[in-house]
Amino acid sequence: MQGSHSRPWWCLFGKNDTRERATLQSKNGVWSHHLETGIGIFKALLFIFSSLCAWYSGYLLAELIPDVPLSNTLYNIRSIGERPVLKAPVPKRQKCDHWSPCPPDTYAYRLLSGGGLDKYAKICFEDEMLLGEKTGNVARGINIAVVDYETGKVISTKYFDMYEGDNSEPMTKFIQSIPSKSLLFMVTHDDGSHKLQAQAKDAIEALGSKEIKNIKFRSSWVFVAAKGFELPSEMEREKINHSDQSRNRYSGWPAEIQIEGCIPKGLR
């Protein structure tokens, strides 16, 4: 029998559930508050720790970097990752512009024939320019420098025009008058053959030349000789380059040629 105050069964649990939900929400709110507070404290501690690390790192960097302008410091920082550039030492200049030095107890020499009209012949001995444009003693024809082999001192320099005038005989007499124990250096400029006579060719051939009788109009020619003693057989002594319109470096003239080397002292 139902009473007048009886309620449906679902109403028996309504108030209790509401209380439990309220209690749970209250507990969750307290927990969330504590969690947010903890996270805030952690963030504050992390910020303080980061600031201390940054300050200490800056202190160490300031101690390690020398007291130089800021621009230099920035440049050095940028250069850390760059590949180092290795610079080769400047090669030491050798006598007569040789690529490598001559051994002790030798004479360094370098001969260069003329090239065209404007590039004058040169004779260098022991780093002294015996004959050339700067010394003012070079001209068209065959140019000769004579050196005392024993002392290494220059005896004379002369040039003989072989295009105009009769200079072949005077050159022959000059060669024959050179004293024994002398070094002779000969180079052509422009032309050294047009009026070169057989007697002069014989005198040069007697000194050891193998090309003088092959010389032609405007041939480039260089020659090293010794009078009164023998030069080493392996030494380069002579070169020639003939004029050829199909391959001349200059209009009407072949390229200049050169020889260089080291003459031992004490030869007999």
Protein backbone atom coordinates (compact mmCIF):
# COMPACT_ATOMS: atom_id res chain seq x y z
CA MET A 1 0.00 0.00 0.00
CA GLN A 2 1.47 3.26 -1.02
CA GLY A 3 1.62 6.16 1.37
CA SER A 4 0.83 9.71 0.45
CA HIS A 5 4.53 10.71 0.98
CA SER A 6 6.06 8.00 -1.11
CA ARG A 7 8.39 9.10 -4.06
CA PRO A 8 9.46 7.42 -7.24
CA TRP A 9 12.58 5.25 -6.96
CA TRP A 10 14.67 7.50 -9.12
CA CYS A 11 14.26 10.35 -6.75
CA LEU A 12 15.94 8.44 -3.98
CA PHE A 13 19.40 9.05 -5.40
CA GLY A 14 19.12 12.57 -6.87
CA LYS A 15 20.33 14.62 -3.90
CA ASN A 16 23.16 12.27 -3.07
CA ASP A 17 24.48 12.37 -6.63
CA THR A 18 24.35 16.12 -6.65
CA ARG A 19 26.32 16.32 -3.42
CA GLU A 20 28.93 13.87 -4.71
CA ARG A 21 29.34 15.81 -7.95
CA ALA A 22 29.71 19.06 -6.06
CA THR A 23 32.29 17.51 -3.74
CA LEU A 24 34.23 16.10 -6.73
CA GLN A 25 34.18 19.41 -8.56
CA SER A 26 35.42 21.14 -5.41
CA LYS A 27 38.28 18.68 -5.08
CA ASN A 28 39.16 19.04 -8.78
CA GLY A 29 39.24 22.80 -8.45
CA VAL A 30 41.60 22.63 -5.51
CA TRP A 31 43.86 20.19 -7.39
CA SER A 32 43.86 22.39 -10.49
CA HIS A 33 44.77 25.40 -8.40
CA HIS A 34 47.68 23.54 -6.79
CA LEU A 35 48.82 22.26 -10.20
CA GLU A 36 48.77 25.72 -11.75
CA THR A 37 50.66 27.08 -8.74
CA GLY A 38 53.29 24.32 -9.07
CA ILE A 39 53.72 24.95 -12.80
CA GLY A 40 54.14 28.66 -12.16
CA ILE A 41 56.77 28.02 -9.53
CA PHE A 42 58.58 25.59 -11.87
CA LYS A 43 58.56 28.13 -14.68
CA ALA A 44 59.92 30.79 -12.35
CA LEU A 45 62.72 28.51 -11.18
CA LEU A 46 63.49 27.54 -14.79
CA PHE A 47 63.68 31.20 -15.80
CA ILE A 48 65.99 31.99 -12.89
CA PHE A 49 68.21 29.00 -13.76
CA SER A 50 68.35 30.00 -17.45
CA SER A 51 69.23 33.57 -16.53
CA LEU A 52 72.04 32.38 -14.29
CA CYS A 53 73.39 30.11 -17.07
CA ALA A 54 73.24 32.94 -19.60
CA TRP A 55 75.02 35.32 -17.23
CA TYR A 56 77.73 32.77 -16.46
CA SER A 57 78.20 31.96 -20.16
CA GLY A 58 78.57 35.65 -20.92
CA TYR A 59 81.09 36.00 -18.12
CA LEU A 60 83.19 33.12 -19.48
CA LEU A 61 83.00 34.49 -23.04
CA ALA A 62 84.13 37.91 -21.85
CA GLU A 63 87.09 36.34 -20.06
CA LEU A 64 88.12 34.28 -23.11
CA ILE A 65 87.78 36.97 -25.78
CA PRO A 66 90.67 39.48 -25.77
CA ASP A 67 90.06 43.18 -25.41
CA VAL A 68 89.70 44.04 -29.10
CA PRO A 69 87.22 46.16 -31.06
CA LEU A 70 83.76 44.65 -31.59
CA SER A 71 84.23 44.60 -35.36
CA ASN A 72 87.29 42.37 -34.97
CA THR A 73 85.41 40.06 -32.62
CA LEU A 74 82.50 39.70 -35.04
CA TYR A 75 84.91 39.03 -37.89
CA ASN A 76 86.67 36.34 -35.86
CA ILE A 77 83.35 34.69 -35.01
CA ARG A 78 82.34 34.66 -38.68
CA SER A 79 85.72 33.19 -39.61
CA ILE A 80 85.41 30.20 -37.29
CA GLY A 81 83.67 28.07 -39.90
CA GLU A 82 85.72 29.26 -42.82
CA ARG A 83 88.40 27.06 -44.36
CA PRO A 84 91.91 28.34 -43.50
CA VAL A 85 93.83 29.79 -46.43
CA LEU A 86 97.40 28.56 -46.69
CA LYS A 87 99.73 31.02 -48.40
CA ALA A 88 102.84 29.67 -50.05
CA PRO A 89 106.02 31.55 -49.16
CA VAL A 90 107.32 33.92 -51.80
CA PRO A 91 110.12 32.12 -53.66
CA LYS A 92 113.57 33.60 -53.18
CA ARG A 93 114.92 35.30 -56.27
CA GLN A 94 117.91 33.51 -57.77
CA LYS A 95 120.85 34.88 -59.74
CA CYS A 96 119.93 35.90 -63.29
CA ASP A 97 116.31 34.92 -62.49
CA HIS A 98 117.04 31.20 -62.48
CA TRP A 99 114.24 28.95 -61.22
CA SER A 100 116.65 27.21 -58.85
CA PRO A 101 119.97 28.32 -57.38
CA CYS A 102 123.28 27.30 -58.88
CA PRO A 103 125.49 25.03 -56.75
CA PRO A 104 128.42 26.54 -54.87
CA ASP A 105 131.60 27.14 -56.88
CA THR A 106 129.71 27.79 -60.12
CA TYR A 107 128.87 30.82 -62.26
CA ALA A 108 125.22 31.53 -63.08
CA TYR A 109 124.46 32.77 -66.58
CA ARG A 110 121.46 33.48 -68.77
CA LEU A 111 121.37 34.45 -72.45
CA LEU A 112 118.31 35.83 -74.25
CA SER A 113 118.20 36.67 -77.95
CA GLY A 114 116.30 39.65 -79.27
CA GLY A 115 112.64 39.37 -80.26
CA GLY A 116 111.50 41.53 -83.16
CA LEU A 117 112.76 45.12 -83.13
CA ASP A 118 111.71 46.19 -79.64
CA LYS A 119 112.72 43.29 -77.39
CA TYR A 120 116.47 43.62 -77.04
CA ALA A 121 118.93 40.81 -76.41
CA LYS A 122 120.31 40.29 -72.89
CA ILE A 123 123.37 38.68 -71.34
CA CYS A 124 123.37 38.10 -67.55
CA PHE A 125 126.34 36.69 -65.64
CA GLU A 126 126.42 36.16 -61.87
CA ASP A 127 123.31 38.36 -61.55
CA GLU A 128 125.01 41.24 -63.36
CA MET A 129 123.46 42.45 -66.62
CA LEU A 130 126.48 42.59 -68.91
CA LEU A 131 124.54 43.53 -72.01
CA GLY A 132 121.00 44.80 -72.56
CA GLU A 133 118.73 47.73 -73.21
CA LYS A 134 119.19 49.22 -69.74
CA THR A 135 122.97 49.08 -70.02
CA GLY A 136 122.78 50.73 -73.45
CA ASN A 137 125.29 48.43 -75.13
CA VAL A 138 123.07 46.21 -77.29
CA ALA A 139 122.28 46.70 -80.98
CA ARG A 140 121.33 44.99 -84.22
CA GLY A 141 123.64 42.13 -85.22
CA ILE A 142 125.80 39.84 -83.07
CA ASN A 143 126.37 41.00 -79.49
CA ILE A 144 129.31 39.59 -77.50
CA ALA A 145 130.30 39.72 -73.81
CA VAL A 146 133.69 38.42 -72.64
CA VAL A 147 134.36 37.38 -69.02
CA ASP A 148 137.62 36.40 -67.30
CA TYR A 149 136.95 32.82 -66.23
CA GLU A 150 139.40 32.92 -63.31
CA THR A 151 138.05 36.10 -61.69
CA GLY A 152 134.48 36.23 -63.03
CA LYS A 153 135.01 39.86 -64.06
CA VAL A 154 133.79 41.22 -67.38
CA ILE A 155 136.57 42.04 -69.84
CA SER A 156 134.57 43.70 -72.63
CA THR A 157 131.22 43.89 -74.42
CA LYS A 158 130.76 44.68 -78.11
CA TYR A 159 128.13 44.49 -80.85
CA PHE A 160 128.67 44.04 -84.57
CA ASP A 161 126.01 45.11 -87.07
CA MET A 162 125.55 42.33 -89.62
CA TYR A 163 122.91 44.08 -91.73
CA GLU A 164 124.81 47.20 -92.76
CA GLY A 165 128.52 47.97 -92.99
CA ASP A 166 131.52 45.68 -93.13
CA ASN A 167 131.69 44.37 -89.57
CA SER A 168 132.34 40.69 -90.14
CA GLU A 169 136.13 41.07 -90.34
CA PRO A 170 136.39 43.33 -87.26
CA MET A 171 134.35 40.76 -85.31
CA THR A 172 136.68 37.99 -86.47
CA LYS A 173 139.71 39.93 -85.24
CA PHE A 174 137.98 40.71 -81.94
CA ILE A 175 137.26 37.00 -81.31
CA GLN A 176 140.82 36.04 -82.18
CA SER A 177 142.20 38.66 -79.76
CA ILE A 178 140.29 37.39 -76.76
CA PRO A 179 142.76 36.02 -74.16
CA SER A 180 142.86 32.41 -73.07
CA LYS A 181 140.80 31.34 -70.04
CA SER A 182 137.89 33.53 -71.12
CA LEU A 183 134.15 32.90 -71.36
CA LEU A 184 132.34 34.21 -74.45
CA PHE A 185 128.59 34.87 -74.56
CA MET A 186 127.00 35.65 -77.95
CA VAL A 187 123.41 36.65 -78.79
CA THR A 188 121.72 38.05 -81.90
CA HIS A 189 119.31 40.93 -82.15
CA ASP A 190 117.22 41.57 -85.29
CA ASP A 191 119.60 40.01 -87.85
CA GLY A 192 123.05 38.51 -87.40
CA SER A 193 123.64 36.80 -90.72
CA HIS A 194 123.17 39.13 -93.70
CA LYS A 195 126.83 40.24 -93.91
CA LEU A 196 128.39 37.50 -91.81
CA GLN A 197 131.36 36.18 -93.78
CA ALA A 198 132.85 32.67 -93.89
CA GLN A 199 135.98 33.70 -91.96
CA ALA A 200 133.87 34.90 -89.00
CA LYS A 201 131.80 31.70 -89.11
CA ASP A 202 135.00 29.64 -89.01
CA ALA A 203 136.24 31.56 -85.96
CA ILE A 204 132.96 30.94 -84.10
CA GLU A 205 132.86 27.30 -85.19
CA ALA A 206 136.37 26.86 -83.78
CA LEU A 207 134.93 27.82 -80.38
CA GLY A 208 132.53 24.87 -80.56
CA SER A 209 129.47 26.25 -82.37
CA LYS A 210 127.45 23.71 -84.34
CA GLU A 211 124.82 26.13 -85.64
CA ILE A 212 126.72 29.22 -86.82
CA LYS A 213 126.97 27.91 -90.37
CA ASN A 214 123.20 27.24 -90.36
CA ILE A 215 122.26 30.77 -89.33
CA LYS A 216 119.83 32.51 -91.68
CA PHE A 217 118.32 35.95 -92.16
CA ARG A 218 116.83 37.09 -88.83
CA SER A 219 117.52 33.79 -87.05
CA SER A 220 117.49 34.00 -83.25
CA TRP A 221 120.78 32.57 -81.97
CA VAL A 222 122.51 32.26 -78.58
CA PHE A 223 125.89 30.65 -77.84
CA VAL A 224 128.23 30.08 -74.86
CA ALA A 225 131.91 29.37 -75.51
CA ALA A 226 135.18 28.98 -73.66
CA LYS A 227 138.63 29.87 -74.91
CA GLY A 228 141.63 27.97 -73.53
CA PHE A 229 139.64 25.32 -71.64
CA GLU A 230 136.72 22.93 -72.13
CA LEU A 231 133.17 23.36 -70.88
CA PRO A 232 131.28 20.28 -69.61
CA SER A 233 129.81 18.28 -72.49
CA GLU A 234 126.40 18.00 -70.82
CA MET A 235 126.05 21.77 -70.52
CA GLU A 236 123.58 23.46 -72.86
CA ARG A 237 125.65 25.84 -74.95
CA GLU A 238 123.71 26.82 -78.06
CA LYS A 239 120.22 27.34 -79.52
CA ILE A 240 118.88 28.64 -82.80
CA ASN A 241 115.41 29.53 -84.05
CA HIS A 242 114.91 30.37 -87.73
CA SER A 243 112.49 32.91 -89.14
CA ASP A 244 109.38 31.29 -90.59
CA GLN A 245 106.46 33.43 -91.72
CA SER A 246 103.98 30.67 -90.87
CA ARG A 247 104.98 30.51 -87.20
CA ASN A 248 106.91 33.71 -86.35
CA ARG A 249 105.91 35.30 -83.06
CA TYR A 250 106.64 38.76 -84.37
CA SER A 251 105.91 40.09 -87.84
CA GLY A 252 108.99 39.02 -89.81
CA TRP A 253 110.92 37.75 -86.75
CA PRO A 254 110.91 34.46 -84.84
CA ALA A 255 110.39 34.19 -81.09
CA GLU A 256 113.32 35.00 -78.86
CA ILE A 257 115.21 32.04 -77.37
CA GLN A 258 117.26 31.64 -74.22
CA ILE A 259 119.59 29.32 -72.39
CA GLU A 260 120.66 29.42 -68.78
CA GLY A 261 122.83 27.32 -66.57
CA CYS A 262 125.74 27.07 -64.15
CA ILE A 263 129.37 26.96 -65.22
CA PRO A 264 131.64 25.09 -62.78
CA LYS A 265 134.70 26.90 -61.53
CA GLY A 266 138.14 25.34 -61.67
CA LEU A 267 137.86 23.81 -65.16
CA ARG A 268 141.04 23.06 -67.08
